[in-house]
Amino acid sequence: MDLFDTLPLPSDAVPEPLAPGAVLLHGFARREDAVLLHALEAVLAEAPLCHMQTPGGHTMTVATTSCGSLGWVSDRHGYRYAARNPQSGQPWPAMPLCFGELAQRAALEAGYANFQPEACLINQYLPGAKLSLHQDRDEKDLTAPIVSVSLGLPAVFQFGGLQRSERPRRYRLAHGDVVVWGGPSRLAFHGVLPLADGDHALLGRRRINLTFRRAG
């Protein structure tokens, strides 16, 4: 039995609460996927994906890049935000208007008004790639929510509590799903299980995740 067969598939029309301050918006970005992917191609042409190093010296299985005024960086010196792409020394590409507007609308739908994202972290997952449980705590402003957009192959998203020891729940994220979390869940541990192989009509054998944050 596939792992997805054990996970519930709620109606796309109903936002699914995950925890206080956290919600899964099923299919929220699906209608504008073509516009998002076109804008994504332009960003990747200017700032190609790369496999960053963790502070411990391990190579991440997820390939990353960023757009916006700040970009997320990982290397032996730690996790942080930087105004320039360390691969090129150039400023990160500007955040496409359609990216920012989507993030703002999703945040508002989840109850967070006036969200102004500065950074969009772009993660590419190929089959087998994963993201271990972690907290998003490299941002100076922890009052703003996180907005996470899934495109391409489905993934199993883990969302837990404020302690790593709390067992996370698992959710199936399909193409166009958006997760928003903030407030009492802003520092919740979360991650992605190894991506199952497949073939998506628009993205082939990969999953793209756009994560919007206010970093400053």
Protein backbone atom coordinates (compact mmCIF):
# COMPACT_ATOMS: atom_id res chain seq x y z
CA MET A 1 0.00 0.00 0.00
CA ASP A 2 1.27 3.47 -0.92
CA LEU A 3 1.75 5.84 2.02
CA PHE A 4 -0.63 8.29 0.39
CA ASP A 5 -3.40 5.70 0.58
CA THR A 6 -3.36 6.08 4.38
CA LEU A 7 -3.69 9.86 4.35
CA PRO A 8 -7.04 11.71 4.19
CA LEU A 9 -7.96 13.68 1.09
CA PRO A 10 -10.27 16.52 2.23
CA SER A 11 -12.32 18.57 -0.23
CA ASP A 12 -10.37 21.28 -2.05
CA ALA A 13 -13.03 23.81 -1.01
CA VAL A 14 -12.46 23.43 2.73
CA PRO A 15 -9.37 24.85 4.50
CA GLU A 16 -7.97 22.23 6.84
CA PRO A 17 -6.78 23.39 10.30
CA LEU A 18 -3.47 21.82 11.28
CA ALA A 19 -2.92 23.51 14.64
CA PRO A 20 -3.70 26.87 16.27
CA GLY A 21 -2.54 29.45 13.73
CA ALA A 22 -1.81 26.86 11.02
CA VAL A 23 -3.99 25.89 8.06
CA LEU A 24 -3.76 23.86 4.86
CA LEU A 25 -5.44 25.54 1.86
CA HIS A 26 -6.15 22.72 -0.57
CA GLY A 27 -5.68 23.67 -4.23
CA PHE A 28 -5.30 27.38 -3.44
CA ALA A 29 -2.60 27.97 -6.09
CA ARG A 30 -3.78 25.46 -8.68
CA ARG A 31 -5.63 27.87 -10.96
CA GLU A 32 -2.56 30.05 -11.44
CA ASP A 33 0.05 27.31 -11.74
CA ALA A 34 0.96 28.19 -15.33
CA VAL A 35 1.70 31.82 -14.39
CA LEU A 36 3.73 30.74 -11.36
CA LEU A 37 5.79 28.23 -13.33
CA HIS A 38 6.50 30.74 -16.10
CA ALA A 39 7.77 33.24 -13.52
CA LEU A 40 9.76 30.48 -11.83
CA GLU A 41 11.61 29.69 -15.06
CA ALA A 42 12.82 33.29 -15.26
CA VAL A 43 14.02 33.22 -11.66
CA LEU A 44 15.91 29.94 -12.15
CA ALA A 45 17.56 31.26 -15.30
CA GLU A 46 19.02 34.11 -13.25
CA ALA A 47 19.73 32.15 -10.05
CA PRO A 48 20.09 28.41 -10.81
CA LEU A 49 19.32 25.79 -8.20
CA CYS A 50 22.20 24.36 -6.19
CA HIS A 51 22.73 21.86 -3.38
CA MET A 52 23.87 23.85 -0.34
CA GLN A 53 25.97 22.54 2.52
CA THR A 54 24.68 22.26 6.07
CA PRO A 55 26.76 23.69 8.94
CA GLY A 56 27.78 20.10 9.68
CA GLY A 57 29.23 19.73 6.19
CA HIS A 58 26.50 17.55 4.68
CA THR A 59 25.10 18.21 1.21
CA MET A 60 21.36 18.87 1.22
CA THR A 61 19.29 16.47 -0.89
CA VAL A 62 17.02 19.38 -1.79
CA ALA A 63 18.31 21.86 -4.38
CA THR A 64 17.62 25.50 -3.49
CA THR A 65 17.70 29.08 -4.67
CA SER A 66 15.85 32.27 -3.70
CA CYS A 67 14.24 35.42 -4.99
CA GLY A 68 13.33 38.66 -3.25
CA SER A 69 15.39 41.23 -1.38
CA LEU A 70 16.86 38.49 0.81
CA GLY A 71 17.72 34.85 0.18
CA TRP A 72 18.19 31.94 2.55
CA VAL A 73 21.74 30.60 2.71
CA SER A 74 23.27 27.51 4.34
CA ASP A 75 26.98 26.70 4.63
CA ARG A 76 29.58 25.74 7.22
CA HIS A 77 29.09 29.14 8.86
CA GLY A 78 25.43 28.46 9.61
CA TYR A 79 21.93 29.28 8.38
CA ARG A 80 21.13 32.90 7.57
CA TYR A 81 19.68 35.37 5.10
CA ALA A 82 21.86 37.29 2.68
CA ALA A 83 21.21 40.06 0.15
CA ARG A 84 23.43 38.38 -2.46
CA ASN A 85 23.54 34.93 -3.99
CA PRO A 86 26.77 33.29 -2.74
CA GLN A 87 27.02 31.30 -6.00
CA SER A 88 27.23 34.40 -8.20
CA GLY A 89 27.88 37.31 -5.86
CA GLN A 90 24.89 39.07 -7.43
CA PRO A 91 21.68 40.23 -5.76
CA TRP A 92 18.89 37.67 -5.79
CA PRO A 93 16.32 38.00 -8.58
CA ALA A 94 13.39 40.25 -7.76
CA MET A 95 10.37 38.39 -6.45
CA PRO A 96 7.83 38.02 -9.29
CA LEU A 97 4.66 39.99 -8.68
CA CYS A 98 2.52 36.86 -9.00
CA PHE A 99 4.57 35.20 -6.24
CA GLY A 100 4.08 38.03 -3.76
CA GLU A 101 0.39 38.43 -4.53
CA LEU A 102 -0.27 34.72 -4.06
CA ALA A 103 1.56 34.71 -0.72
CA GLN A 104 -0.40 37.72 0.50
CA ARG A 105 -3.76 36.23 -0.51
CA ALA A 106 -2.97 32.89 1.11
CA ALA A 107 -1.85 34.59 4.32
CA LEU A 108 -5.04 36.65 4.40
CA GLU A 109 -7.16 33.53 3.81
CA ALA A 110 -5.44 31.97 6.84
CA GLY A 111 -6.13 35.04 8.99
CA TYR A 112 -2.88 36.96 8.59
CA ALA A 113 -3.42 40.42 7.12
CA ASN A 114 -0.75 42.69 5.64
CA PHE A 115 1.82 39.95 5.03
CA GLN A 116 4.75 41.44 3.10
CA PRO A 117 7.22 38.68 2.19
CA GLU A 118 10.83 39.69 1.63
CA ALA A 119 12.21 36.28 0.73
CA CYS A 120 11.00 33.33 -1.31
CA LEU A 121 13.01 30.16 -0.82
CA ILE A 122 12.67 27.83 -3.80
CA ASN A 123 13.25 24.14 -3.07
CA GLN A 124 13.38 21.42 -5.71
CA TYR A 125 12.76 17.83 -4.63
CA LEU A 126 13.64 14.91 -6.88
CA PRO A 127 12.59 11.37 -5.91
CA GLY A 128 14.22 10.46 -2.59
CA ALA A 129 14.89 14.07 -1.53
CA LYS A 130 13.64 15.04 1.91
CA LEU A 131 13.71 17.77 4.53
CA SER A 132 14.32 16.75 8.13
CA LEU A 133 12.19 18.09 10.96
CA HIS A 134 13.24 21.66 11.74
CA GLN A 135 11.99 25.06 12.87
CA ASP A 136 12.01 28.20 10.73
CA ARG A 137 13.78 30.45 13.21
CA ASP A 138 16.44 32.24 11.14
CA GLU A 139 14.11 35.20 10.62
CA LYS A 140 14.36 38.32 12.78
CA ASP A 141 10.61 38.90 12.52
CA LEU A 142 8.79 35.94 14.04
CA THR A 143 5.44 37.75 14.12
CA ALA A 144 4.85 37.18 10.40
CA PRO A 145 3.56 33.81 9.14
CA ILE A 146 5.21 31.30 6.82
CA VAL A 147 3.49 30.64 3.48
CA SER A 148 4.48 27.41 1.71
CA VAL A 149 3.28 26.56 -1.83
CA SER A 150 3.52 23.04 -3.29
CA LEU A 151 3.85 22.43 -7.04
CA GLY A 152 4.44 19.19 -8.92
CA LEU A 153 4.64 15.72 -7.39
CA PRO A 154 2.72 15.13 -4.14
CA ALA A 155 4.66 14.99 -0.90
CA VAL A 156 4.11 13.89 2.68
CA PHE A 157 4.41 16.94 4.92
CA GLN A 158 5.11 16.51 8.63
CA PHE A 159 3.80 19.15 11.02
CA GLY A 160 4.52 18.85 14.72
CA GLY A 161 4.68 20.95 17.85
CA LEU A 162 7.13 23.34 19.45
CA GLN A 163 9.33 20.51 20.73
CA ARG A 164 11.18 18.10 18.47
CA SER A 165 10.03 15.25 20.74
CA GLU A 166 6.38 15.87 19.85
CA ARG A 167 5.28 13.36 17.23
CA PRO A 168 4.33 15.19 14.01
CA ARG A 169 1.19 14.51 12.03
CA ARG A 170 1.40 13.71 8.34
CA TYR A 171 -0.46 15.47 5.53
CA ARG A 172 -0.54 14.84 1.80
CA LEU A 173 0.39 17.98 -0.13
CA ALA A 174 -0.72 17.94 -3.76
CA HIS A 175 -0.03 20.31 -6.64
CA GLY A 176 -1.41 23.76 -5.78
CA ASP A 177 -1.77 23.19 -2.03
CA VAL A 178 -0.65 26.00 0.28
CA VAL A 179 0.23 25.70 3.97
CA VAL A 180 0.26 28.80 6.18
CA TRP A 181 1.43 28.82 9.77
CA GLY A 182 2.18 31.53 12.31
CA GLY A 183 1.12 32.83 15.70
CA PRO A 184 1.28 30.03 18.31
CA SER A 185 2.51 27.61 15.60
CA ARG A 186 5.14 29.89 14.08
CA LEU A 187 8.02 27.80 15.48
CA ALA A 188 6.40 24.40 14.94
CA PHE A 189 8.72 21.64 13.81
CA HIS A 190 7.99 20.52 10.25
CA GLY A 191 9.59 18.56 7.42
CA VAL A 192 9.04 16.51 4.27
CA LEU A 193 9.44 12.73 4.00
CA PRO A 194 11.50 11.32 1.09
CA LEU A 195 9.70 12.18 -2.14
CA ALA A 196 8.07 9.23 -3.88
CA ASP A 197 8.78 8.78 -7.58
CA GLY A 198 6.15 9.77 -10.08
CA ASP A 199 5.45 11.84 -13.18
CA HIS A 200 3.60 15.14 -12.89
CA ALA A 201 1.95 16.57 -15.99
CA LEU A 202 3.67 19.97 -15.63
CA LEU A 203 6.84 19.27 -13.66
CA GLY A 204 7.71 15.68 -14.48
CA ARG A 205 9.66 13.80 -11.79
CA ARG A 206 10.03 16.67 -9.36
CA ARG A 207 8.35 18.80 -6.75
CA ILE A 208 8.86 22.54 -6.33
CA ASN A 209 8.16 24.27 -3.04
CA LEU A 210 7.95 28.06 -2.70
CA THR A 211 8.33 29.25 0.89
CA PHE A 212 7.59 32.91 1.61
CA ARG A 213 8.92 34.63 4.70
CA ARG A 214 9.38 38.07 6.19
CA ALA A 215 13.01 37.73 7.20
CA GLY A 216 13.89 41.16 8.58
